[in-house]
Amino acid sequence: MAIDNTGVLLLSLVSQAGGITGKTRFQKLAYFLQEAEQVPLGLNFRMHHYGPYAHELEMRLQWLRVSDLVDVDDARIDGPVVIDISERGREVAKGEANQEELQRVLENLGKKSPRQLELLGTVHYLAQTTGYDGSEQGRSRLNDAVKVWKEQRFSRQQIDDAIDELIDLGYLS
């Protein structure tokens, strides 16, 4: 199987990030690259335990691994999986076209914790699916929707702060 544009984009994401610690972080960075930066990855994200999740992305990661394009250290007992680009993957990722979008996602979100990315991803995903319109009523509905999905995991203030952050980043209006 030859590598397609999505595979090259994912390699570029891992390469520019200098490696990615954790599958949750990998999922959320890919989510924001596709859904907020409008880079067509062709992934179908659905709500899951830790926010938006695409099963196909997990399958792609495994394919990149067996194709020797990424190294995945999942043997660690004390921490998350570490995804890094291989030398072969670095060659394939050279010259990728969506550099600005990749840089923006990494600058905006690359240093966030998995928990922060879970909240930001959940808020963004539910904003898209609940018809968030920027009004106070829309904000209240969005806050309620996040509370339904996340129960007591995040406070209303944390959700409001995430909405504000996404607005500041230009990912919500």
N, C-alpha and C. Protein backbone atom coordinates (compact mmCIF):
# COMPACT_ATOMS: atom_id res chain seq x y z
N MET A 1 0.85 -1.19 0.00
CA MET A 1 0.00 0.00 0.00
C MET A 1 0.89 1.24 0.00
N ALA A 2 0.67 2.12 -0.96
CA ALA A 2 1.44 3.36 -1.05
C ALA A 2 0.88 4.38 -0.05
N ILE A 3 1.73 5.27 0.38
CA ILE A 3 1.29 6.29 1.34
C ILE A 3 0.50 7.37 0.61
N ASP A 4 -0.61 7.78 1.17
CA ASP A 4 -1.44 8.82 0.57
C ASP A 4 -1.19 10.15 1.27
N ASN A 5 -1.92 11.17 0.85
CA ASN A 5 -1.75 12.52 1.40
C ASN A 5 -2.01 12.56 2.91
N THR A 6 -3.00 11.82 3.38
CA THR A 6 -3.28 11.79 4.82
C THR A 6 -2.09 11.23 5.58
N GLY A 7 -1.51 10.16 5.08
CA GLY A 7 -0.34 9.59 5.73
C GLY A 7 0.81 10.57 5.79
N VAL A 8 1.03 11.29 4.69
CA VAL A 8 2.11 12.29 4.65
C VAL A 8 1.82 13.41 5.64
N LEU A 9 0.59 13.85 5.72
CA LEU A 9 0.21 14.90 6.68
C LEU A 9 0.44 14.44 8.11
N LEU A 10 0.07 13.21 8.41
CA LEU A 10 0.27 12.69 9.77
C LEU A 10 1.75 12.57 10.10
N LEU A 11 2.55 12.15 9.13
CA LEU A 11 4.00 12.11 9.33
C LEU A 11 4.55 13.50 9.59
N SER A 12 4.07 14.48 8.83
CA SER A 12 4.52 15.86 9.02
C SER A 12 4.15 16.38 10.40
N LEU A 13 2.95 16.02 10.87
CA LEU A 13 2.51 16.42 12.20
C LEU A 13 3.47 15.87 13.26
N VAL A 14 3.77 14.59 13.17
CA VAL A 14 4.67 13.96 14.14
C VAL A 14 6.07 14.57 14.03
N SER A 15 6.53 14.78 12.81
CA SER A 15 7.86 15.33 12.59
C SER A 15 7.98 16.75 13.14
N GLN A 16 7.05 17.61 12.79
CA GLN A 16 7.11 19.00 13.25
C GLN A 16 6.92 19.13 14.75
N ALA A 17 6.20 18.19 15.33
CA ALA A 17 6.00 18.21 16.78
C ALA A 17 7.24 17.72 17.52
N GLY A 18 8.17 17.13 16.78
CA GLY A 18 9.35 16.56 17.44
C GLY A 18 8.99 15.29 18.20
N GLY A 19 7.95 14.60 17.72
CA GLY A 19 7.41 13.43 18.40
C GLY A 19 6.19 13.83 19.20
N ILE A 20 5.32 12.88 19.43
CA ILE A 20 4.08 13.14 20.17
C ILE A 20 3.96 12.11 21.29
N THR A 21 3.77 12.63 22.50
CA THR A 21 3.61 11.76 23.66
C THR A 21 2.13 11.54 23.92
N GLY A 22 1.67 10.33 23.72
CA GLY A 22 0.30 9.97 24.03
C GLY A 22 -0.61 9.91 22.82
N LYS A 23 -1.42 8.87 22.79
CA LYS A 23 -2.38 8.73 21.69
C LYS A 23 -3.50 9.76 21.79
N THR A 24 -3.84 10.18 23.00
CA THR A 24 -4.87 11.21 23.14
C THR A 24 -4.39 12.50 22.49
N ARG A 25 -3.15 12.88 22.75
CA ARG A 25 -2.58 14.09 22.13
C ARG A 25 -2.57 13.94 20.60
N PHE A 26 -2.15 12.78 20.10
CA PHE A 26 -2.12 12.53 18.65
C PHE A 26 -3.52 12.68 18.05
N GLN A 27 -4.51 12.07 18.71
CA GLN A 27 -5.90 12.16 18.22
C GLN A 27 -6.38 13.62 18.18
N LYS A 28 -6.12 14.37 19.25
CA LYS A 28 -6.65 15.73 19.32
C LYS A 28 -5.92 16.68 18.37
N LEU A 29 -4.62 16.52 18.21
CA LEU A 29 -3.90 17.37 17.25
C LEU A 29 -4.39 17.10 15.83
N ALA A 30 -4.61 15.83 15.49
CA ALA A 30 -5.16 15.49 14.17
C ALA A 30 -6.58 16.04 14.03
N TYR A 31 -7.37 15.95 15.11
CA TYR A 31 -8.73 16.49 15.08
C TYR A 31 -8.71 17.98 14.75
N PHE A 32 -7.91 18.75 15.48
CA PHE A 32 -7.87 20.20 15.24
C PHE A 32 -7.28 20.54 13.88
N LEU A 33 -6.34 19.75 13.41
CA LEU A 33 -5.78 19.98 12.08
C LEU A 33 -6.88 19.84 11.02
N GLN A 34 -7.71 18.81 11.16
CA GLN A 34 -8.78 18.59 10.19
C GLN A 34 -9.97 19.53 10.41
N GLU A 35 -10.46 19.60 11.64
CA GLU A 35 -11.73 20.28 11.90
C GLU A 35 -11.61 21.78 12.11
N ALA A 36 -10.50 22.25 12.67
CA ALA A 36 -10.36 23.69 12.92
C ALA A 36 -9.52 24.37 11.84
N GLU A 37 -8.49 23.68 11.35
CA GLU A 37 -7.63 24.25 10.32
C GLU A 37 -8.06 23.84 8.91
N GLN A 38 -9.07 22.99 8.82
CA GLN A 38 -9.65 22.57 7.54
C GLN A 38 -8.67 21.87 6.61
N VAL A 39 -7.75 21.11 7.18
CA VAL A 39 -6.83 20.30 6.39
C VAL A 39 -7.51 18.95 6.17
N PRO A 40 -7.77 18.57 4.92
CA PRO A 40 -8.55 17.35 4.65
C PRO A 40 -7.76 16.06 4.93
N LEU A 41 -8.06 15.47 6.08
CA LEU A 41 -7.44 14.19 6.43
C LEU A 41 -8.37 13.02 6.12
N GLY A 42 -9.65 13.30 5.91
CA GLY A 42 -10.60 12.24 5.60
C GLY A 42 -10.93 11.34 6.78
N LEU A 43 -10.78 11.88 8.00
CA LEU A 43 -11.06 11.10 9.20
C LEU A 43 -12.46 11.40 9.71
N ASN A 44 -13.11 10.38 10.25
CA ASN A 44 -14.46 10.51 10.78
C ASN A 44 -14.39 10.52 12.30
N PHE A 45 -14.41 11.71 12.89
CA PHE A 45 -14.32 11.83 14.34
C PHE A 45 -15.70 11.69 14.98
N ARG A 46 -15.73 10.96 16.09
CA ARG A 46 -16.94 10.79 16.90
C ARG A 46 -16.56 11.05 18.35
N MET A 47 -17.56 11.39 19.16
CA MET A 47 -17.29 11.57 20.59
C MET A 47 -16.95 10.22 21.20
N HIS A 48 -15.96 10.27 22.08
CA HIS A 48 -15.48 9.07 22.75
C HIS A 48 -15.12 9.45 24.18
N HIS A 49 -14.50 8.57 24.92
CA HIS A 49 -14.18 8.82 26.33
C HIS A 49 -13.40 10.11 26.55
N TYR A 50 -12.40 10.38 25.73
CA TYR A 50 -11.53 11.53 25.93
C TYR A 50 -11.73 12.59 24.85
N GLY A 51 -12.96 12.72 24.36
CA GLY A 51 -13.25 13.73 23.35
C GLY A 51 -13.31 13.11 21.96
N PRO A 52 -13.20 13.93 20.92
CA PRO A 52 -13.30 13.43 19.55
C PRO A 52 -12.23 12.36 19.28
N TYR A 53 -12.66 11.31 18.62
CA TYR A 53 -11.79 10.17 18.36
C TYR A 53 -12.13 9.60 16.98
N ALA A 54 -11.10 9.26 16.22
CA ALA A 54 -11.30 8.62 14.91
C ALA A 54 -10.61 7.26 14.93
N HIS A 55 -11.40 6.22 14.84
CA HIS A 55 -10.84 4.86 14.83
C HIS A 55 -9.87 4.69 13.67
N GLU A 56 -10.18 5.31 12.53
CA GLU A 56 -9.30 5.20 11.36
C GLU A 56 -7.91 5.76 11.65
N LEU A 57 -7.83 6.75 12.51
CA LEU A 57 -6.53 7.34 12.86
C LEU A 57 -5.67 6.32 13.59
N GLU A 58 -6.27 5.55 14.46
CA GLU A 58 -5.55 4.48 15.16
C GLU A 58 -5.05 3.44 14.15
N MET A 59 -5.89 3.09 13.17
CA MET A 59 -5.48 2.14 12.14
C MET A 59 -4.35 2.71 11.28
N ARG A 60 -4.43 4.00 10.98
CA ARG A 60 -3.37 4.64 10.19
C ARG A 60 -2.05 4.66 10.96
N LEU A 61 -2.14 4.93 12.26
CA LEU A 61 -0.93 4.92 13.08
C LEU A 61 -0.28 3.54 13.05
N GLN A 62 -1.08 2.49 13.14
CA GLN A 62 -0.53 1.13 13.09
C GLN A 62 0.10 0.84 11.72
N TRP A 63 -0.54 1.33 10.65
CA TRP A 63 0.02 1.13 9.31
C TRP A 63 1.35 1.88 9.16
N LEU A 64 1.41 3.12 9.67
CA LEU A 64 2.65 3.89 9.61
C LEU A 64 3.75 3.17 10.40
N ARG A 65 3.36 2.55 11.48
CA ARG A 65 4.32 1.82 12.31
C ARG A 65 4.88 0.59 11.59
N VAL A 66 4.01 -0.25 11.05
CA VAL A 66 4.48 -1.46 10.38
C VAL A 66 5.19 -1.14 9.07
N SER A 67 4.95 0.04 8.52
CA SER A 67 5.65 0.49 7.31
C SER A 67 6.97 1.16 7.64
N ASP A 68 7.34 1.16 8.90
CA ASP A 68 8.61 1.73 9.38
C ASP A 68 8.69 3.23 9.07
N LEU A 69 7.56 3.93 9.18
CA LEU A 69 7.54 5.38 8.97
C LEU A 69 7.49 6.12 10.30
N VAL A 70 6.97 5.47 11.33
CA VAL A 70 7.01 6.01 12.69
C VAL A 70 7.48 4.92 13.65
N ASP A 71 8.04 5.37 14.74
CA ASP A 71 8.39 4.48 15.84
C ASP A 71 7.39 4.75 16.95
N VAL A 72 6.82 3.69 17.48
CA VAL A 72 5.84 3.82 18.56
C VAL A 72 6.37 3.03 19.76
N ASP A 73 6.67 3.76 20.82
CA ASP A 73 7.15 3.13 22.05
C ASP A 73 5.95 2.93 22.97
N ASP A 74 5.40 1.73 22.93
CA ASP A 74 4.24 1.43 23.77
C ASP A 74 4.58 0.39 24.85
N ALA A 75 5.87 0.17 25.06
CA ALA A 75 6.29 -0.81 26.05
C ALA A 75 6.51 -0.19 27.42
N ARG A 76 6.28 1.11 27.52
CA ARG A 76 6.50 1.80 28.79
C ARG A 76 5.40 1.47 29.77
N ILE A 77 5.77 1.07 30.95
CA ILE A 77 4.81 0.73 32.00
C ILE A 77 4.35 1.99 32.72
N ASP A 78 5.24 2.95 32.85
CA ASP A 78 5.00 4.12 33.70
C ASP A 78 4.50 5.36 32.97
N GLY A 79 4.15 5.26 31.69
CA GLY A 79 3.73 6.46 31.01
C GLY A 79 3.04 6.18 29.70
N PRO A 80 2.68 7.27 29.00
CA PRO A 80 1.95 7.13 27.74
C PRO A 80 2.85 6.66 26.60
N VAL A 81 2.21 6.26 25.54
CA VAL A 81 2.88 5.87 24.30
C VAL A 81 3.63 7.08 23.74
N VAL A 82 4.79 6.83 23.16
CA VAL A 82 5.55 7.90 22.51
C VAL A 82 5.61 7.58 21.02
N ILE A 83 5.17 8.54 20.19
CA ILE A 83 5.16 8.38 18.74
C ILE A 83 6.24 9.30 18.18
N ASP A 84 7.16 8.73 17.44
CA ASP A 84 8.23 9.53 16.84
C ASP A 84 8.38 9.13 15.38
N ILE A 85 8.91 10.02 14.59
CA ILE A 85 9.08 9.75 13.17
C ILE A 85 10.40 9.00 12.96
N SER A 86 10.39 8.04 12.04
CA SER A 86 11.61 7.31 11.71
C SER A 86 12.37 8.08 10.63
N GLU A 87 13.58 7.65 10.35
CA GLU A 87 14.35 8.29 9.27
C GLU A 87 13.62 8.16 7.94
N ARG A 88 13.08 6.99 7.70
CA ARG A 88 12.31 6.77 6.46
C ARG A 88 11.09 7.70 6.42
N GLY A 89 10.40 7.83 7.55
CA GLY A 89 9.24 8.71 7.62
C GLY A 89 9.61 10.17 7.40
N ARG A 90 10.76 10.57 7.92
CA ARG A 90 11.23 11.95 7.75
C ARG A 90 11.43 12.28 6.26
N GLU A 91 11.95 11.32 5.52
CA GLU A 91 12.15 11.51 4.07
C GLU A 91 10.81 11.68 3.36
N VAL A 92 9.84 10.86 3.73
CA VAL A 92 8.52 10.92 3.10
C VAL A 92 7.81 12.24 3.43
N ALA A 93 8.01 12.74 4.63
CA ALA A 93 7.29 13.95 5.09
C ALA A 93 7.88 15.24 4.55
N LYS A 94 9.05 15.21 3.98
CA LYS A 94 9.69 16.44 3.48
C LYS A 94 8.81 17.15 2.45
N GLY A 95 8.72 18.46 2.58
CA GLY A 95 8.04 19.27 1.57
C GLY A 95 6.52 19.23 1.62
N GLU A 96 5.93 18.78 2.72
CA GLU A 96 4.47 18.72 2.84
C GLU A 96 3.89 20.13 2.68
N ALA A 97 2.73 20.22 2.03
CA ALA A 97 2.16 21.51 1.62
C ALA A 97 1.44 22.29 2.72
N ASN A 98 0.96 21.67 3.75
CA ASN A 98 0.13 22.35 4.74
C ASN A 98 0.93 22.81 5.95
N GLN A 99 2.09 23.41 5.71
CA GLN A 99 2.99 23.79 6.79
C GLN A 99 2.39 24.84 7.73
N GLU A 100 1.70 25.83 7.20
CA GLU A 100 1.12 26.89 8.04
C GLU A 100 0.10 26.33 9.01
N GLU A 101 -0.78 25.47 8.51
CA GLU A 101 -1.82 24.88 9.36
C GLU A 101 -1.19 23.98 10.43
N LEU A 102 -0.21 23.18 10.02
CA LEU A 102 0.48 22.32 10.98
C LEU A 102 1.14 23.16 12.06
N GLN A 103 1.82 24.23 11.66
CA GLN A 103 2.49 25.10 12.63
C GLN A 103 1.50 25.73 13.59
N ARG A 104 0.37 26.20 13.05
CA ARG A 104 -0.65 26.85 13.90
C ARG A 104 -1.17 25.88 14.95
N VAL A 105 -1.51 24.66 14.54
CA VAL A 105 -2.03 23.67 15.50
C VAL A 105 -0.99 23.39 16.57
N LEU A 106 0.26 23.21 16.16
CA LEU A 106 1.31 22.90 17.14
C LEU A 106 1.60 24.09 18.05
N GLU A 107 1.61 25.30 17.50
CA GLU A 107 1.84 26.49 18.34
C GLU A 107 0.68 26.70 19.30
N ASN A 108 -0.54 26.52 18.82
CA ASN A 108 -1.73 26.76 19.65
C ASN A 108 -1.98 25.67 20.68
N LEU A 109 -1.71 24.43 20.31
CA LEU A 109 -2.16 23.30 21.13
C LEU A 109 -1.09 22.28 21.47
N GLY A 110 0.06 22.35 20.86
CA GLY A 110 1.09 21.34 21.00
C GLY A 110 1.61 21.14 22.41
N LYS A 111 1.54 22.16 23.24
CA LYS A 111 2.06 22.07 24.62
C LYS A 111 0.96 21.79 25.65
N LYS A 112 -0.25 21.64 25.18
CA LYS A 112 -1.37 21.39 26.10
C LYS A 112 -1.30 19.96 26.64
N SER A 113 -1.79 19.79 27.85
CA SER A 113 -1.85 18.45 28.44
C SER A 113 -2.97 17.65 27.76
N PRO A 114 -2.93 16.33 27.88
CA PRO A 114 -4.04 15.53 27.33
C PRO A 114 -5.40 15.94 27.90
N ARG A 115 -5.44 16.29 29.17
CA ARG A 115 -6.71 16.72 29.79
C ARG A 115 -7.21 18.02 29.16
N GLN A 116 -6.30 18.98 28.95
CA GLN A 116 -6.68 20.24 28.31
C GLN A 116 -7.15 19.99 26.88
N LEU A 117 -6.45 19.12 26.16
CA LEU A 117 -6.85 18.81 24.79
C LEU A 117 -8.19 18.08 24.76
N GLU A 118 -8.43 17.23 25.74
CA GLU A 118 -9.73 16.56 25.85
C GLU A 118 -10.85 17.59 25.97
N LEU A 119 -10.67 18.56 26.85
CA LEU A 119 -11.69 19.58 27.05
C LEU A 119 -11.86 20.44 25.81
N LEU A 120 -10.76 20.94 25.25
CA LEU A 120 -10.85 21.79 24.06
C LEU A 120 -11.47 21.03 22.89
N GLY A 121 -11.05 19.78 22.70
CA GLY A 121 -11.62 18.98 21.62
C GLY A 121 -13.10 18.71 21.82
N THR A 122 -13.49 18.39 23.05
CA THR A 122 -14.89 18.13 23.35
C THR A 122 -15.74 19.37 23.11
N VAL A 123 -15.27 20.52 23.60
CA VAL A 123 -16.02 21.77 23.41
C VAL A 123 -16.15 22.07 21.92
N HIS A 124 -15.05 21.95 21.18
CA HIS A 124 -15.10 22.26 19.74
C HIS A 124 -16.04 21.30 19.01
N TYR A 125 -15.91 20.02 19.28
CA TYR A 125 -16.75 19.02 18.62
C TYR A 125 -18.23 19.28 18.91
N LEU A 126 -18.56 19.48 20.18
CA LEU A 126 -19.97 19.69 20.54
C LEU A 126 -20.48 21.04 20.04
N ALA A 127 -19.60 22.03 19.92
CA ALA A 127 -20.02 23.31 19.33
C ALA A 127 -20.47 23.10 17.89
N GLN A 128 -19.75 22.24 17.17
CA GLN A 128 -20.10 21.97 15.78
C GLN A 128 -21.40 21.18 15.67
N THR A 129 -21.62 20.26 16.60
CA THR A 129 -22.78 19.38 16.50
C THR A 129 -24.04 19.94 17.16
N THR A 130 -23.88 20.92 18.06
CA THR A 130 -25.06 21.49 18.72
C THR A 130 -25.50 22.80 18.09
N GLY A 131 -24.79 23.26 17.08
CA GLY A 131 -25.17 24.51 16.42
C GLY A 131 -24.83 25.74 17.24
N TYR A 132 -23.73 25.69 17.98
CA TYR A 132 -23.29 26.85 18.77
C TYR A 132 -23.23 28.08 17.88
N ASP A 133 -23.83 29.18 18.35
CA ASP A 133 -23.93 30.39 17.52
C ASP A 133 -23.25 31.62 18.13
N GLY A 134 -22.56 31.44 19.24
CA GLY A 134 -21.86 32.57 19.85
C GLY A 134 -22.70 33.38 20.83
N SER A 135 -23.99 33.12 20.88
CA SER A 135 -24.86 33.85 21.80
C SER A 135 -24.70 33.31 23.22
N GLU A 136 -25.21 34.07 24.19
CA GLU A 136 -25.17 33.59 25.58
C GLU A 136 -25.99 32.31 25.73
N GLN A 137 -27.13 32.25 25.04
CA GLN A 137 -27.96 31.05 25.08
C GLN A 137 -27.20 29.88 24.44
N GLY A 138 -26.52 30.13 23.34
CA GLY A 138 -25.72 29.10 22.69
C GLY A 138 -24.59 28.62 23.58
N ARG A 139 -23.95 29.56 24.28
CA ARG A 139 -22.87 29.21 25.21
C ARG A 139 -23.41 28.34 26.34
N SER A 140 -24.58 28.68 26.85
CA SER A 140 -25.18 27.90 27.92
C SER A 140 -25.53 26.49 27.45
N ARG A 141 -26.09 26.37 26.23
CA ARG A 141 -26.41 25.06 25.66
C ARG A 141 -25.14 24.22 25.47
N LEU A 142 -24.08 24.87 24.98
CA LEU A 142 -22.81 24.18 24.77
C LEU A 142 -22.23 23.70 26.10
N ASN A 143 -22.28 24.56 27.10
CA ASN A 143 -21.79 24.20 28.42
C ASN A 143 -22.57 23.00 28.95
N ASP A 144 -23.90 23.02 28.79
CA ASP A 144 -24.75 21.90 29.22
C ASP A 144 -24.40 20.61 28.47
N ALA A 145 -24.15 20.72 27.17
CA ALA A 145 -23.82 19.53 26.37
C ALA A 145 -22.50 18.92 26.83
N VAL A 146 -21.52 19.77 27.13
CA VAL A 146 -20.24 19.26 27.63
C VAL A 146 -20.44 18.59 28.98
N LYS A 147 -21.24 19.20 29.84
CA LYS A 147 -21.50 18.60 31.16
C LYS A 147 -22.17 17.22 31.01
N VAL A 148 -23.06 17.07 30.05
CA VAL A 148 -23.71 15.77 29.83
C VAL A 148 -22.67 14.73 29.43
N TRP A 149 -21.77 15.08 28.51
CA TRP A 149 -20.76 14.13 28.04
C TRP A 149 -19.69 13.87 29.09
N LYS A 150 -19.31 14.90 29.80
CA LYS A 150 -18.16 14.79 30.71
C LYS A 150 -18.56 14.73 32.18
N GLU A 151 -19.83 14.78 32.47
CA GLU A 151 -20.35 14.72 33.83
C GLU A 151 -19.59 15.68 34.74
N GLN A 152 -18.91 15.18 35.74
CA GLN A 152 -18.23 16.07 36.69
C GLN A 152 -16.75 16.29 36.38
N ARG A 153 -16.29 15.86 35.22
CA ARG A 153 -14.86 15.95 34.90
C ARG A 153 -14.37 17.39 34.78
N PHE A 154 -15.23 18.29 34.30
CA PHE A 154 -14.86 19.69 34.12
C PHE A 154 -15.95 20.59 34.71
N SER A 155 -15.52 21.68 35.34
CA SER A 155 -16.47 22.64 35.90
C SER A 155 -17.02 23.54 34.79
N ARG A 156 -18.11 24.23 35.10
CA ARG A 156 -18.67 25.19 34.15
C ARG A 156 -17.65 26.28 33.82
N GLN A 157 -16.87 26.70 34.81
CA GLN A 157 -15.86 27.73 34.56
C GLN A 157 -14.78 27.22 33.61
N GLN A 158 -14.35 25.98 33.80
CA GLN A 158 -13.36 25.40 32.89
C GLN A 158 -13.90 25.32 31.47
N ILE A 159 -15.17 24.96 31.35
CA ILE A 159 -15.80 24.87 30.02
C ILE A 159 -15.88 26.27 29.40
N ASP A 160 -16.32 27.26 30.18
CA ASP A 160 -16.38 28.64 29.68
C ASP A 160 -15.00 29.14 29.26
N ASP A 161 -13.98 28.81 30.05
CA ASP A 161 -12.61 29.21 29.70
C ASP A 161 -12.17 28.55 28.40
N ALA A 162 -12.55 27.29 28.19
CA ALA A 162 -12.21 26.58 26.95
C ALA A 162 -12.92 27.23 25.76
N ILE A 163 -14.18 27.61 25.93
CA ILE A 163 -14.91 28.30 24.86
C ILE A 163 -14.18 29.59 24.51
N ASP A 164 -13.80 30.37 25.52
CA ASP A 164 -13.09 31.63 25.28
C ASP A 164 -11.76 31.38 24.57
N GLU A 165 -11.03 30.35 24.99
CA GLU A 165 -9.75 30.05 24.36
C GLU A 165 -9.93 29.69 22.89
N LEU A 166 -10.93 28.87 22.60
CA LEU A 166 -11.18 28.49 21.21
C LEU A 166 -11.59 29.69 20.36
N ILE A 167 -12.33 30.62 20.96
CA ILE A 167 -12.69 31.86 20.25
C ILE A 167 -11.43 32.67 19.98
N ASP A 168 -10.57 32.82 21.00
CA ASP A 168 -9.32 33.57 20.83
C ASP A 168 -8.43 32.97 19.77
N LEU A 169 -8.43 31.64 19.65
CA LEU A 169 -7.61 30.97 18.64
C LEU A 169 -8.24 31.04 17.25
N GLY A 170 -9.49 31.50 17.18
CA GLY A 170 -10.18 31.55 15.90
C GLY A 170 -10.82 30.23 15.50
N TYR A 171 -10.92 29.30 16.45
CA TYR A 171 -11.50 27.99 16.19
C TYR A 171 -13.00 27.95 16.46
N LEU A 172 -13.52 28.97 17.14
CA LEU A 172 -14.97 29.16 17.32
C LEU A 172 -15.27 30.63 17.11
N SER A 173 -16.52 30.93 16.74
CA SER A 173 -16.89 32.35 16.61
C SER A 173 -17.87 32.75 17.69
